[in-house]
Full PDB file with SEQRES, HELIX, SHEET, SSBOND, CRYST1, ORIGX, SCALE, CONECT and MASTER records, all heavy atoms in Angstrom:
SEQRES   1 A   41  TYR ARG ASP VAL VAL ILE PRO VAL VAL GLY GLU CYS ASP          
SEQRES   2 A   41  ASP SER PHE LEU ASN ASN SER VAL LYS PHE HIS ILE THR          
SEQRES   3 A   41  ASP GLU ASP VAL PHE ASP ALA ILE LYS ASN THR LYS SER          
SEQRES   4 A   41  GLY ILE                                                      
HELIX    1 AA1 SER A   20  LYS A   22  5                                   3    
HELIX    2 AA2 ASP A   27  LYS A   35  1                                   9    
CRYST1    1.000    1.000    1.000  90.00  90.00  90.00 P 1           1          
ORIGX1      1.000000  0.000000  0.000000        0.00000                         
ORIGX2      0.000000  1.000000  0.000000        0.00000                         
ORIGX3      0.000000  0.000000  1.000000        0.00000                         
SCALE1      1.000000  0.000000  0.000000        0.00000                         
SCALE2      0.000000  1.000000  0.000000        0.00000                         
SCALE3      0.000000  0.000000  1.000000        0.00000                         
ATOM      1  N   TYR A   1     -10.817 -19.697 -10.665  1.00  0.00           N  
ATOM      2  CA  TYR A   1     -12.203 -19.894 -10.370  1.00  0.00           C  
ATOM      3  C   TYR A   1     -12.927 -18.631  -9.976  1.00  0.00           C  
ATOM      4  O   TYR A   1     -14.056 -18.660  -9.469  1.00  0.00           O  
ATOM      5  CB  TYR A   1     -12.346 -20.912  -9.213  1.00  0.00           C  
ATOM      6  CG  TYR A   1     -11.755 -22.241  -9.528  1.00  0.00           C  
ATOM      7  CD1 TYR A   1     -10.429 -22.570  -9.167  1.00  0.00           C  
ATOM      8  CD2 TYR A   1     -12.497 -23.169 -10.281  1.00  0.00           C  
ATOM      9  CE1 TYR A   1      -9.873 -23.801  -9.530  1.00  0.00           C  
ATOM     10  CE2 TYR A   1     -11.930 -24.420 -10.579  1.00  0.00           C  
ATOM     11  CZ  TYR A   1     -10.637 -24.724 -10.211  1.00  0.00           C  
ATOM     12  OH  TYR A   1     -10.072 -25.939 -10.584  1.00  0.00           O  
ATOM     13  N   ARG A   2     -12.314 -17.479 -10.244  1.00  0.00           N  
ATOM     14  CA  ARG A   2     -12.879 -16.138  -9.969  1.00  0.00           C  
ATOM     15  C   ARG A   2     -13.382 -15.983  -8.602  1.00  0.00           C  
ATOM     16  O   ARG A   2     -14.464 -15.411  -8.376  1.00  0.00           O  
ATOM     17  CB  ARG A   2     -14.049 -15.928 -11.001  1.00  0.00           C  
ATOM     18  CG  ARG A   2     -13.539 -15.860 -12.447  1.00  0.00           C  
ATOM     19  CD  ARG A   2     -14.637 -15.611 -13.360  1.00  0.00           C  
ATOM     20  NE  ARG A   2     -14.177 -15.626 -14.776  1.00  0.00           N  
ATOM     21  CZ  ARG A   2     -15.003 -15.717 -15.839  1.00  0.00           C  
ATOM     22  NH1 ARG A   2     -16.283 -15.799 -15.688  1.00  0.00           N  
ATOM     23  NH2 ARG A   2     -14.479 -15.741 -17.007  1.00  0.00           N  
ATOM     24  N   ASP A   3     -12.619 -16.574  -7.635  1.00  0.00           N  
ATOM     25  CA  ASP A   3     -12.910 -16.313  -6.212  1.00  0.00           C  
ATOM     26  C   ASP A   3     -12.532 -14.821  -5.984  1.00  0.00           C  
ATOM     27  O   ASP A   3     -11.831 -14.221  -6.755  1.00  0.00           O  
ATOM     28  CB  ASP A   3     -12.091 -17.237  -5.346  1.00  0.00           C  
ATOM     29  CG  ASP A   3     -12.812 -17.531  -4.048  1.00  0.00           C  
ATOM     30  OD1 ASP A   3     -13.650 -16.703  -3.674  1.00  0.00           O  
ATOM     31  OD2 ASP A   3     -12.512 -18.562  -3.418  1.00  0.00           O  
ATOM     32  N   VAL A   4     -12.994 -14.290  -4.868  1.00  0.00           N  
ATOM     33  CA  VAL A   4     -12.738 -12.890  -4.594  1.00  0.00           C  
ATOM     34  C   VAL A   4     -12.162 -12.709  -3.206  1.00  0.00           C  
ATOM     35  O   VAL A   4     -12.325 -13.614  -2.336  1.00  0.00           O  
ATOM     36  CB  VAL A   4     -14.048 -12.066  -4.641  1.00  0.00           C  
ATOM     37  CG1 VAL A   4     -14.633 -12.133  -6.096  1.00  0.00           C  
ATOM     38  CG2 VAL A   4     -15.124 -12.558  -3.653  1.00  0.00           C  
ATOM     39  N   VAL A   5     -11.430 -11.639  -3.023  1.00  0.00           N  
ATOM     40  CA  VAL A   5     -10.919 -11.311  -1.729  1.00  0.00           C  
ATOM     41  C   VAL A   5     -11.141  -9.840  -1.433  1.00  0.00           C  
ATOM     42  O   VAL A   5     -11.378  -9.035  -2.356  1.00  0.00           O  
ATOM     43  CB  VAL A   5      -9.359 -11.556  -1.657  1.00  0.00           C  
ATOM     44  CG1 VAL A   5      -9.029 -13.032  -1.696  1.00  0.00           C  
ATOM     45  CG2 VAL A   5      -8.634 -10.798  -2.770  1.00  0.00           C  
ATOM     46  N   ILE A   6     -11.165  -9.522  -0.158  1.00  0.00           N  
ATOM     47  CA  ILE A   6     -11.334  -8.122   0.272  1.00  0.00           C  
ATOM     48  C   ILE A   6     -10.092  -7.820   1.165  1.00  0.00           C  
ATOM     49  O   ILE A   6     -10.091  -8.147   2.361  1.00  0.00           O  
ATOM     50  CB  ILE A   6     -12.597  -7.836   1.047  1.00  0.00           C  
ATOM     51  CG1 ILE A   6     -13.819  -8.355   0.210  1.00  0.00           C  
ATOM     52  CG2 ILE A   6     -12.737  -6.388   1.392  1.00  0.00           C  
ATOM     53  CD1 ILE A   6     -15.183  -8.187   0.973  1.00  0.00           C  
ATOM     54  N   PRO A   7      -9.069  -7.246   0.631  1.00  0.00           N  
ATOM     55  CA  PRO A   7      -7.808  -7.036   1.435  1.00  0.00           C  
ATOM     56  C   PRO A   7      -8.063  -6.100   2.596  1.00  0.00           C  
ATOM     57  O   PRO A   7      -8.941  -5.232   2.581  1.00  0.00           O  
ATOM     58  CB  PRO A   7      -6.879  -6.373   0.394  1.00  0.00           C  
ATOM     59  CG  PRO A   7      -7.389  -6.817  -0.946  1.00  0.00           C  
ATOM     60  CD  PRO A   7      -8.860  -6.857  -0.802  1.00  0.00           C  
ATOM     61  N   VAL A   8      -7.251  -6.312   3.623  1.00  0.00           N  
ATOM     62  CA  VAL A   8      -7.327  -5.512   4.833  1.00  0.00           C  
ATOM     63  C   VAL A   8      -6.317  -4.424   4.651  1.00  0.00           C  
ATOM     64  O   VAL A   8      -5.126  -4.644   4.638  1.00  0.00           O  
ATOM     65  CB  VAL A   8      -7.040  -6.376   6.116  1.00  0.00           C  
ATOM     66  CG1 VAL A   8      -7.034  -5.446   7.365  1.00  0.00           C  
ATOM     67  CG2 VAL A   8      -8.081  -7.489   6.227  1.00  0.00           C  
ATOM     68  N   VAL A   9      -6.803  -3.182   4.564  1.00  0.00           N  
ATOM     69  CA  VAL A   9      -5.943  -2.021   4.293  1.00  0.00           C  
ATOM     70  C   VAL A   9      -6.298  -0.875   5.247  1.00  0.00           C  
ATOM     71  O   VAL A   9      -7.454  -0.424   5.205  1.00  0.00           O  
ATOM     72  CB  VAL A   9      -6.059  -1.537   2.863  1.00  0.00           C  
ATOM     73  CG1 VAL A   9      -5.120  -0.365   2.582  1.00  0.00           C  
ATOM     74  CG2 VAL A   9      -5.779  -2.633   1.834  1.00  0.00           C  
ATOM     75  N   GLY A  10      -5.382  -0.506   6.106  1.00  0.00           N  
ATOM     76  CA  GLY A  10      -5.586   0.607   7.047  1.00  0.00           C  
ATOM     77  C   GLY A  10      -4.923   1.879   6.582  1.00  0.00           C  
ATOM     78  O   GLY A  10      -3.959   1.859   5.827  1.00  0.00           O  
ATOM     79  N   GLU A  11      -5.399   3.006   7.107  1.00  0.00           N  
ATOM     80  CA  GLU A  11      -4.866   4.296   6.672  1.00  0.00           C  
ATOM     81  C   GLU A  11      -4.759   5.277   7.851  1.00  0.00           C  
ATOM     82  O   GLU A  11      -5.463   5.216   8.840  1.00  0.00           O  
ATOM     83  CB  GLU A  11      -5.779   4.928   5.578  1.00  0.00           C  
ATOM     84  CG  GLU A  11      -7.260   5.071   6.015  1.00  0.00           C  
ATOM     85  CD  GLU A  11      -7.522   6.319   6.935  1.00  0.00           C  
ATOM     86  OE1 GLU A  11      -6.748   7.290   6.816  1.00  0.00           O  
ATOM     87  OE2 GLU A  11      -8.478   6.204   7.729  1.00  0.00           O  
ATOM     88  N   CYS A  12      -3.810   6.212   7.619  1.00  0.00           N  
ATOM     89  CA  CYS A  12      -3.784   7.452   8.392  1.00  0.00           C  
ATOM     90  C   CYS A  12      -3.528   8.585   7.425  1.00  0.00           C  
ATOM     91  O   CYS A  12      -3.044   8.407   6.315  1.00  0.00           O  
ATOM     92  CB  CYS A  12      -2.618   7.378   9.422  1.00  0.00           C  
ATOM     93  SG  CYS A  12      -2.953   6.332  10.905  1.00  0.00           S  
ATOM     94  N   ASP A  13      -3.820   9.786   7.830  1.00  0.00           N  
ATOM     95  CA  ASP A  13      -3.793  10.969   7.011  1.00  0.00           C  
ATOM     96  C   ASP A  13      -2.411  11.611   7.070  1.00  0.00           C  
ATOM     97  O   ASP A  13      -2.087  12.190   8.124  1.00  0.00           O  
ATOM     98  CB  ASP A  13      -4.866  11.947   7.352  1.00  0.00           C  
ATOM     99  CG  ASP A  13      -4.859  13.231   6.588  1.00  0.00           C  
ATOM    100  OD1 ASP A  13      -4.149  13.331   5.652  1.00  0.00           O  
ATOM    101  OD2 ASP A  13      -5.612  14.187   6.994  1.00  0.00           O  
ATOM    102  N   ASP A  14      -1.643  11.529   6.004  1.00  0.00           N  
ATOM    103  CA  ASP A  14      -0.278  12.128   6.003  1.00  0.00           C  
ATOM    104  C   ASP A  14      -0.205  13.478   5.287  1.00  0.00           C  
ATOM    105  O   ASP A  14       0.867  13.937   4.852  1.00  0.00           O  
ATOM    106  CB  ASP A  14       0.769  11.196   5.470  1.00  0.00           C  
ATOM    107  CG  ASP A  14       0.472  10.759   4.020  1.00  0.00           C  
ATOM    108  OD1 ASP A  14      -0.383  11.367   3.339  1.00  0.00           O  
ATOM    109  OD2 ASP A  14       1.178   9.869   3.525  1.00  0.00           O  
ATOM    110  N   SER A  15      -1.387  14.134   5.055  1.00  0.00           N  
ATOM    111  CA  SER A  15      -1.411  15.284   4.176  1.00  0.00           C  
ATOM    112  C   SER A  15      -0.770  16.547   4.733  1.00  0.00           C  
ATOM    113  O   SER A  15      -0.645  17.527   4.051  1.00  0.00           O  
ATOM    114  CB  SER A  15      -2.918  15.602   3.833  1.00  0.00           C  
ATOM    115  OG  SER A  15      -3.659  15.909   4.968  1.00  0.00           O  
ATOM    116  N   PHE A  16      -0.382  16.476   6.016  1.00  0.00           N  
ATOM    117  CA  PHE A  16       0.325  17.659   6.557  1.00  0.00           C  
ATOM    118  C   PHE A  16       1.723  17.750   5.903  1.00  0.00           C  
ATOM    119  O   PHE A  16       2.205  18.861   5.613  1.00  0.00           O  
ATOM    120  CB  PHE A  16       0.540  17.510   8.050  1.00  0.00           C  
ATOM    121  CG  PHE A  16       1.069  18.730   8.766  1.00  0.00           C  
ATOM    122  CD1 PHE A  16       0.272  19.820   8.992  1.00  0.00           C  
ATOM    123  CD2 PHE A  16       2.407  18.783   9.124  1.00  0.00           C  
ATOM    124  CE1 PHE A  16       0.751  20.964   9.630  1.00  0.00           C  
ATOM    125  CE2 PHE A  16       2.923  19.921   9.745  1.00  0.00           C  
ATOM    126  CZ  PHE A  16       2.081  21.020  10.001  1.00  0.00           C  
ATOM    127  N   LEU A  17       2.316  16.619   5.558  1.00  0.00           N  
ATOM    128  CA  LEU A  17       3.653  16.604   4.979  1.00  0.00           C  
ATOM    129  C   LEU A  17       3.616  16.125   3.518  1.00  0.00           C  
ATOM    130  O   LEU A  17       4.553  16.397   2.692  1.00  0.00           O  
ATOM    131  CB  LEU A  17       4.630  15.722   5.729  1.00  0.00           C  
ATOM    132  CG  LEU A  17       5.141  16.294   7.072  1.00  0.00           C  
ATOM    133  CD1 LEU A  17       5.949  15.261   7.807  1.00  0.00           C  
ATOM    134  CD2 LEU A  17       5.996  17.592   6.853  1.00  0.00           C  
ATOM    135  N   ASN A  18       2.578  15.462   3.150  1.00  0.00           N  
ATOM    136  CA  ASN A  18       2.470  14.787   1.809  1.00  0.00           C  
ATOM    137  C   ASN A  18       1.323  15.386   1.005  1.00  0.00           C  
ATOM    138  O   ASN A  18       0.221  15.600   1.505  1.00  0.00           O  
ATOM    139  CB  ASN A  18       2.239  13.290   1.981  1.00  0.00           C  
ATOM    140  CG  ASN A  18       1.994  12.595   0.700  1.00  0.00           C  
ATOM    141  OD1 ASN A  18       2.790  12.669  -0.241  1.00  0.00           O  
ATOM    142  ND2 ASN A  18       0.875  11.833   0.548  1.00  0.00           N  
ATOM    143  N   ASN A  19       1.590  15.665  -0.258  1.00  0.00           N  
ATOM    144  CA  ASN A  19       0.566  16.160  -1.140  1.00  0.00           C  
ATOM    145  C   ASN A  19      -0.262  14.969  -1.635  1.00  0.00           C  
ATOM    146  O   ASN A  19      -0.054  14.399  -2.682  1.00  0.00           O  
ATOM    147  CB  ASN A  19       1.185  16.886  -2.340  1.00  0.00           C  
ATOM    148  CG  ASN A  19       0.149  17.552  -3.212  1.00  0.00           C  
ATOM    149  OD1 ASN A  19      -1.064  17.337  -3.042  1.00  0.00           O  
ATOM    150  ND2 ASN A  19       0.588  18.436  -4.080  1.00  0.00           N  
ATOM    151  N   SER A  20      -1.274  14.574  -0.780  1.00  0.00           N  
ATOM    152  CA  SER A  20      -1.970  13.304  -0.978  1.00  0.00           C  
ATOM    153  C   SER A  20      -2.869  13.345  -2.202  1.00  0.00           C  
ATOM    154  O   SER A  20      -3.205  12.276  -2.717  1.00  0.00           O  
ATOM    155  CB  SER A  20      -2.776  13.034   0.312  1.00  0.00           C  
ATOM    156  OG  SER A  20      -3.707  14.076   0.601  1.00  0.00           O  
ATOM    157  N   VAL A  21      -3.264  14.543  -2.713  1.00  0.00           N  
ATOM    158  CA  VAL A  21      -4.135  14.564  -3.860  1.00  0.00           C  
ATOM    159  C   VAL A  21      -3.394  14.341  -5.192  1.00  0.00           C  
ATOM    160  O   VAL A  21      -3.981  14.336  -6.246  1.00  0.00           O  
ATOM    161  CB  VAL A  21      -4.933  15.875  -3.908  1.00  0.00           C  
ATOM    162  CG1 VAL A  21      -5.905  16.012  -2.752  1.00  0.00           C  
ATOM    163  CG2 VAL A  21      -4.023  17.104  -3.976  1.00  0.00           C  
ATOM    164  N   LYS A  22      -2.114  14.067  -5.108  1.00  0.00           N  
ATOM    165  CA  LYS A  22      -1.355  13.656  -6.272  1.00  0.00           C  
ATOM    166  C   LYS A  22      -1.526  12.173  -6.518  1.00  0.00           C  
ATOM    167  O   LYS A  22      -1.115  11.681  -7.572  1.00  0.00           O  
ATOM    168  CB  LYS A  22       0.131  13.968  -6.103  1.00  0.00           C  
ATOM    169  CG  LYS A  22       0.470  15.442  -6.359  1.00  0.00           C  
ATOM    170  CD  LYS A  22       1.970  15.664  -6.470  1.00  0.00           C  
ATOM    171  CE  LYS A  22       2.328  17.049  -6.978  1.00  0.00           C  
ATOM    172  NZ  LYS A  22       3.772  17.256  -7.065  1.00  0.00           N  
ATOM    173  N   PHE A  23      -2.101  11.434  -5.555  1.00  0.00           N  
ATOM    174  CA  PHE A  23      -2.373  10.010  -5.682  1.00  0.00           C  
ATOM    175  C   PHE A  23      -1.158   9.303  -6.311  1.00  0.00           C  
ATOM    176  O   PHE A  23      -1.212   8.652  -7.316  1.00  0.00           O  
ATOM    177  CB  PHE A  23      -3.591   9.794  -6.583  1.00  0.00           C  
ATOM    178  CG  PHE A  23      -4.820  10.422  -6.035  1.00  0.00           C  
ATOM    179  CD1 PHE A  23      -5.282  11.695  -6.502  1.00  0.00           C  
ATOM    180  CD2 PHE A  23      -5.585   9.838  -5.036  1.00  0.00           C  
ATOM    181  CE1 PHE A  23      -6.430  12.267  -6.004  1.00  0.00           C  
ATOM    182  CE2 PHE A  23      -6.727  10.450  -4.516  1.00  0.00           C  
ATOM    183  CZ  PHE A  23      -7.132  11.618  -4.981  1.00  0.00           C  
ATOM    184  N   HIS A  24      -0.066   9.379  -5.606  1.00  0.00           N  
ATOM    185  CA  HIS A  24       1.220   9.021  -6.152  1.00  0.00           C  
ATOM    186  C   HIS A  24       1.513   7.479  -6.064  1.00  0.00           C  
ATOM    187  O   HIS A  24       2.378   7.000  -6.759  1.00  0.00           O  
ATOM    188  CB  HIS A  24       2.334   9.774  -5.428  1.00  0.00           C  
ATOM    189  CG  HIS A  24       3.556  10.055  -6.302  1.00  0.00           C  
ATOM    190  ND1 HIS A  24       3.491  10.845  -7.373  1.00  0.00           N  
ATOM    191  CD2 HIS A  24       4.811   9.607  -6.234  1.00  0.00           C  
ATOM    192  CE1 HIS A  24       4.676  10.937  -7.971  1.00  0.00           C  
ATOM    193  NE2 HIS A  24       5.528  10.123  -7.276  1.00  0.00           N  
ATOM    194  N   ILE A  25       0.831   6.822  -5.206  1.00  0.00           N  
ATOM    195  CA  ILE A  25       1.110   5.412  -5.006  1.00  0.00           C  
ATOM    196  C   ILE A  25       0.550   4.531  -6.163  1.00  0.00           C  
ATOM    197  O   ILE A  25      -0.558   4.745  -6.593  1.00  0.00           O  
ATOM    198  CB  ILE A  25       0.535   4.904  -3.650  1.00  0.00           C  
ATOM    199  CG1 ILE A  25       1.357   5.479  -2.518  1.00  0.00           C  
ATOM    200  CG2 ILE A  25       0.510   3.388  -3.523  1.00  0.00           C  
ATOM    201  CD1 ILE A  25       0.872   5.182  -1.133  1.00  0.00           C  
ATOM    202  N   THR A  26       1.370   3.621  -6.647  1.00  0.00           N  
ATOM    203  CA  THR A  26       1.050   2.780  -7.782  1.00  0.00           C  
ATOM    204  C   THR A  26       0.980   1.339  -7.406  1.00  0.00           C  
ATOM    205  O   THR A  26       1.357   0.942  -6.273  1.00  0.00           O  
ATOM    206  CB  THR A  26       2.087   2.906  -8.895  1.00  0.00           C  
ATOM    207  OG1 THR A  26       3.369   2.368  -8.444  1.00  0.00           O  
ATOM    208  CG2 THR A  26       2.321   4.392  -9.298  1.00  0.00           C  
ATOM    209  N   ASP A  27       0.466   0.490  -8.303  1.00  0.00           N  
ATOM    210  CA  ASP A  27       0.470  -0.942  -8.070  1.00  0.00           C  
ATOM    211  C   ASP A  27       1.864  -1.468  -7.783  1.00  0.00           C  
ATOM    212  O   ASP A  27       2.100  -2.287  -6.858  1.00  0.00           O  
ATOM    213  CB  ASP A  27      -0.044  -1.673  -9.311  1.00  0.00           C  
ATOM    214  CG  ASP A  27      -1.579  -1.509  -9.511  1.00  0.00           C  
ATOM    215  OD1 ASP A  27      -2.217  -0.923  -8.652  1.00  0.00           O  
ATOM    216  OD2 ASP A  27      -2.045  -1.961 -10.582  1.00  0.00           O  
ATOM    217  N   GLU A  28       2.864  -0.935  -8.532  1.00  0.00           N  
ATOM    218  CA  GLU A  28       4.228  -1.423  -8.329  1.00  0.00           C  
ATOM    219  C   GLU A  28       4.748  -1.106  -6.942  1.00  0.00           C  
ATOM    220  O   GLU A  28       5.605  -1.859  -6.345  1.00  0.00           O  
ATOM    221  CB  GLU A  28       5.133  -0.793  -9.420  1.00  0.00           C  
ATOM    222  CG  GLU A  28       4.910  -1.319 -10.803  1.00  0.00           C  
ATOM    223  CD  GLU A  28       5.057  -2.846 -10.910  1.00  0.00           C  
ATOM    224  OE1 GLU A  28       5.953  -3.394 -10.297  1.00  0.00           O  
ATOM    225  OE2 GLU A  28       4.241  -3.457 -11.575  1.00  0.00           O  
ATOM    226  N   ASP A  29       4.336   0.029  -6.388  1.00  0.00           N  
ATOM    227  CA  ASP A  29       4.746   0.336  -5.012  1.00  0.00           C  
ATOM    228  C   ASP A  29       4.258  -0.690  -4.004  1.00  0.00           C  
ATOM    229  O   ASP A  29       4.975  -1.101  -3.111  1.00  0.00           O  
ATOM    230  CB  ASP A  29       4.240   1.774  -4.611  1.00  0.00           C  
ATOM    231  CG  ASP A  29       4.876   2.810  -5.421  1.00  0.00           C  
ATOM    232  OD1 ASP A  29       6.066   2.698  -5.781  1.00  0.00           O  
ATOM    233  OD2 ASP A  29       4.182   3.821  -5.750  1.00  0.00           O  
ATOM    234  N   VAL A  30       2.998  -1.124  -4.216  1.00  0.00           N  
ATOM    235  CA  VAL A  30       2.383  -2.148  -3.329  1.00  0.00           C  
ATOM    236  C   VAL A  30       3.127  -3.441  -3.555  1.00  0.00           C  
ATOM    237  O   VAL A  30       3.519  -4.166  -2.579  1.00  0.00           O  
ATOM    238  CB  VAL A  30       0.902  -2.287  -3.586  1.00  0.00           C  
ATOM    239  CG1 VAL A  30       0.340  -3.395  -2.668  1.00  0.00           C  
ATOM    240  CG2 VAL A  30       0.196  -0.958  -3.367  1.00  0.00           C  
ATOM    241  N   PHE A  31       3.355  -3.880  -4.819  1.00  0.00           N  
ATOM    242  CA  PHE A  31       4.073  -5.082  -5.081  1.00  0.00           C  
ATOM    243  C   PHE A  31       5.514  -5.067  -4.473  1.00  0.00           C  
ATOM    244  O   PHE A  31       5.956  -6.090  -3.967  1.00  0.00           O  
ATOM    245  CB  PHE A  31       4.195  -5.302  -6.627  1.00  0.00           C  
ATOM    246  CG  PHE A  31       2.843  -5.409  -7.303  1.00  0.00           C  
ATOM    247  CD1 PHE A  31       2.732  -5.109  -8.645  1.00  0.00           C  
ATOM    248  CD2 PHE A  31       1.682  -5.739  -6.631  1.00  0.00           C  
ATOM    249  CE1 PHE A  31       1.538  -5.171  -9.340  1.00  0.00           C  
ATOM    250  CE2 PHE A  31       0.494  -5.848  -7.288  1.00  0.00           C  
ATOM    251  CZ  PHE A  31       0.398  -5.513  -8.615  1.00  0.00           C  
ATOM    252  N   ASP A  32       6.131  -3.921  -4.510  1.00  0.00           N  
ATOM    253  CA  ASP A  32       7.459  -3.777  -3.950  1.00  0.00           C  
ATOM    254  C   ASP A  32       7.440  -3.973  -2.440  1.00  0.00           C  
ATOM    255  O   ASP A  32       8.320  -4.648  -1.889  1.00  0.00           O  
ATOM    256  CB  ASP A  32       8.094  -2.442  -4.299  1.00  0.00           C  
ATOM    257  CG  ASP A  32       8.566  -2.335  -5.724  1.00  0.00           C  
ATOM    258  OD1 ASP A  32       8.647  -3.357  -6.387  1.00  0.00           O  
ATOM    259  OD2 ASP A  32       8.834  -1.144  -6.183  1.00  0.00           O  
ATOM    260  N   ALA A  33       6.441  -3.402  -1.789  1.00  0.00           N  
ATOM    261  CA  ALA A  33       6.300  -3.534  -0.377  1.00  0.00           C  
ATOM    262  C   ALA A  33       6.136  -4.994  -0.002  1.00  0.00           C  
ATOM    263  O   ALA A  33       6.687  -5.489   0.981  1.00  0.00           O  
ATOM    264  CB  ALA A  33       5.126  -2.719   0.191  1.00  0.00           C  
ATOM    265  N   ILE A  34       5.319  -5.726  -0.757  1.00  0.00           N  
ATOM    266  CA  ILE A  34       5.103  -7.144  -0.544  1.00  0.00           C  
ATOM    267  C   ILE A  34       6.379  -7.914  -0.684  1.00  0.00           C  
ATOM    268  O   ILE A  34       6.781  -8.750   0.063  1.00  0.00           O  
ATOM    269  CB  ILE A  34       3.998  -7.699  -1.411  1.00  0.00           C  
ATOM    270  CG1 ILE A  34       2.652  -7.039  -1.131  1.00  0.00           C  
ATOM    271  CG2 ILE A  34       3.885  -9.235  -1.285  1.00  0.00           C  
ATOM    272  CD1 ILE A  34       1.543  -7.314  -2.114  1.00  0.00           C  
ATOM    273  N   LYS A  35       7.106  -7.576  -1.824  1.00  0.00           N  
ATOM    274  CA  LYS A  35       8.360  -8.267  -2.131  1.00  0.00           C  
ATOM    275  C   LYS A  35       9.432  -7.978  -1.080  1.00  0.00           C  
ATOM    276  O   LYS A  35      10.256  -8.861  -0.823  1.00  0.00           O  
ATOM    277  CB  LYS A  35       8.884  -7.801  -3.518  1.00  0.00           C  
ATOM    278  CG  LYS A  35      10.146  -8.480  -4.006  1.00  0.00           C  
ATOM    279  CD  LYS A  35      10.436  -8.102  -5.429  1.00  0.00           C  
ATOM    280  CE  LYS A  35      10.706  -6.597  -5.603  1.00  0.00           C  
ATOM    281  NZ  LYS A  35      11.135  -6.270  -6.948  1.00  0.00           N  
ATOM    282  N   ASN A  36       9.349  -6.807  -0.415  1.00  0.00           N  
ATOM    283  CA  ASN A  36      10.306  -6.460   0.580  1.00  0.00           C  
ATOM    284  C   ASN A  36      10.029  -7.076   1.936  1.00  0.00           C  
ATOM    285  O   ASN A  36      10.837  -6.824   2.863  1.00  0.00           O  
ATOM    286  CB  ASN A  36      10.386  -4.930   0.720  1.00  0.00           C  
ATOM    287  CG  ASN A  36      10.954  -4.291  -0.495  1.00  0.00           C  
ATOM    288  OD1 ASN A  36      11.721  -4.925  -1.283  1.00  0.00           O  
ATOM    289  ND2 ASN A  36      10.630  -2.996  -0.722  1.00  0.00           N  
ATOM    290  N   THR A  37       8.924  -7.779   2.119  1.00  0.00           N  
ATOM    291  CA  THR A  37       8.575  -8.317   3.417  1.00  0.00           C  
ATOM    292  C   THR A  37       9.661  -9.289   3.889  1.00  0.00           C  
ATOM    293  O   THR A  37      10.185 -10.070   3.095  1.00  0.00           O  
ATOM    294  CB  THR A  37       7.241  -9.047   3.444  1.00  0.00           C  
ATOM    295  OG1 THR A  37       7.211 -10.060   2.446  1.00  0.00           O  
ATOM    296  CG2 THR A  37       6.116  -8.026   3.176  1.00  0.00           C  
ATOM    297  N   LYS A  38      10.004  -9.197   5.153  1.00  0.00           N  
ATOM    298  CA  LYS A  38      11.057 -10.035   5.758  1.00  0.00           C  
ATOM    299  C   LYS A  38      10.821 -10.245   7.237  1.00  0.00           C  
ATOM    300  O   LYS A  38      10.037  -9.491   7.841  1.00  0.00           O  
ATOM    301  CB  LYS A  38      12.447  -9.401   5.523  1.00  0.00           C  
ATOM    302  CG  LYS A  38      12.594  -8.065   6.280  1.00  0.00           C  
ATOM    303  CD  LYS A  38      13.975  -7.470   6.110  1.00  0.00           C  
ATOM    304  CE  LYS A  38      14.143  -6.178   6.946  1.00  0.00           C  
ATOM    305  NZ  LYS A  38      15.474  -5.637   6.825  1.00  0.00           N  
ATOM    306  N   SER A  39      11.387 -11.296   7.787  1.00  0.00           N  
ATOM    307  CA  SER A  39      11.394 -11.482   9.193  1.00  0.00           C  
ATOM    308  C   SER A  39      12.606 -10.816   9.798  1.00  0.00           C  
ATOM    309  O   SER A  39      13.358 -10.112   9.158  1.00  0.00           O  
ATOM    310  CB  SER A  39      11.391 -13.015   9.483  1.00  0.00           C  
ATOM    311  OG  SER A  39      12.535 -13.620   8.876  1.00  0.00           O  
ATOM    312  N   GLY A  40      12.773 -11.004  11.123  1.00  0.00           N  
ATOM    313  CA  GLY A  40      13.968 -10.419  11.789  1.00  0.00           C  
ATOM    314  C   GLY A  40      13.745  -8.942  12.069  1.00  0.00           C  
ATOM    315  O   GLY A  40      12.622  -8.505  12.287  1.00  0.00           O  
ATOM    316  N   ILE A  41      14.830  -8.218  12.067  1.00  0.00           N  
ATOM    317  CA  ILE A  41      14.796  -6.761  12.354  1.00  0.00           C  
ATOM    318  C   ILE A  41      14.168  -5.980  11.192  1.00  0.00           C  
ATOM    319  O   ILE A  41      14.509  -6.223  10.032  1.00  0.00           O  
ATOM    320  CB  ILE A  41      16.198  -6.233  12.675  1.00  0.00           C  
ATOM    321  CG1 ILE A  41      16.734  -6.869  13.903  1.00  0.00           C  
ATOM    322  CG2 ILE A  41      16.205  -4.688  12.813  1.00  0.00           C  
ATOM    323  CD1 ILE A  41      18.199  -6.563  14.177  1.00  0.00           C  
TER     324      ILE A  41                                                      
MASTER        0    0    0    2    0    0    0    6  323    1    0    4          
END                                                                             
């Protein structure tokens, strides 16, 4: 039905250790993080 969402996404700047202008994060990385969600420890 072409409904829309605005995901809640927070950030911090990791550019002291990470070359952030390489824009390395992909869709698959996000999908993997979601797939890896678990309860417990």
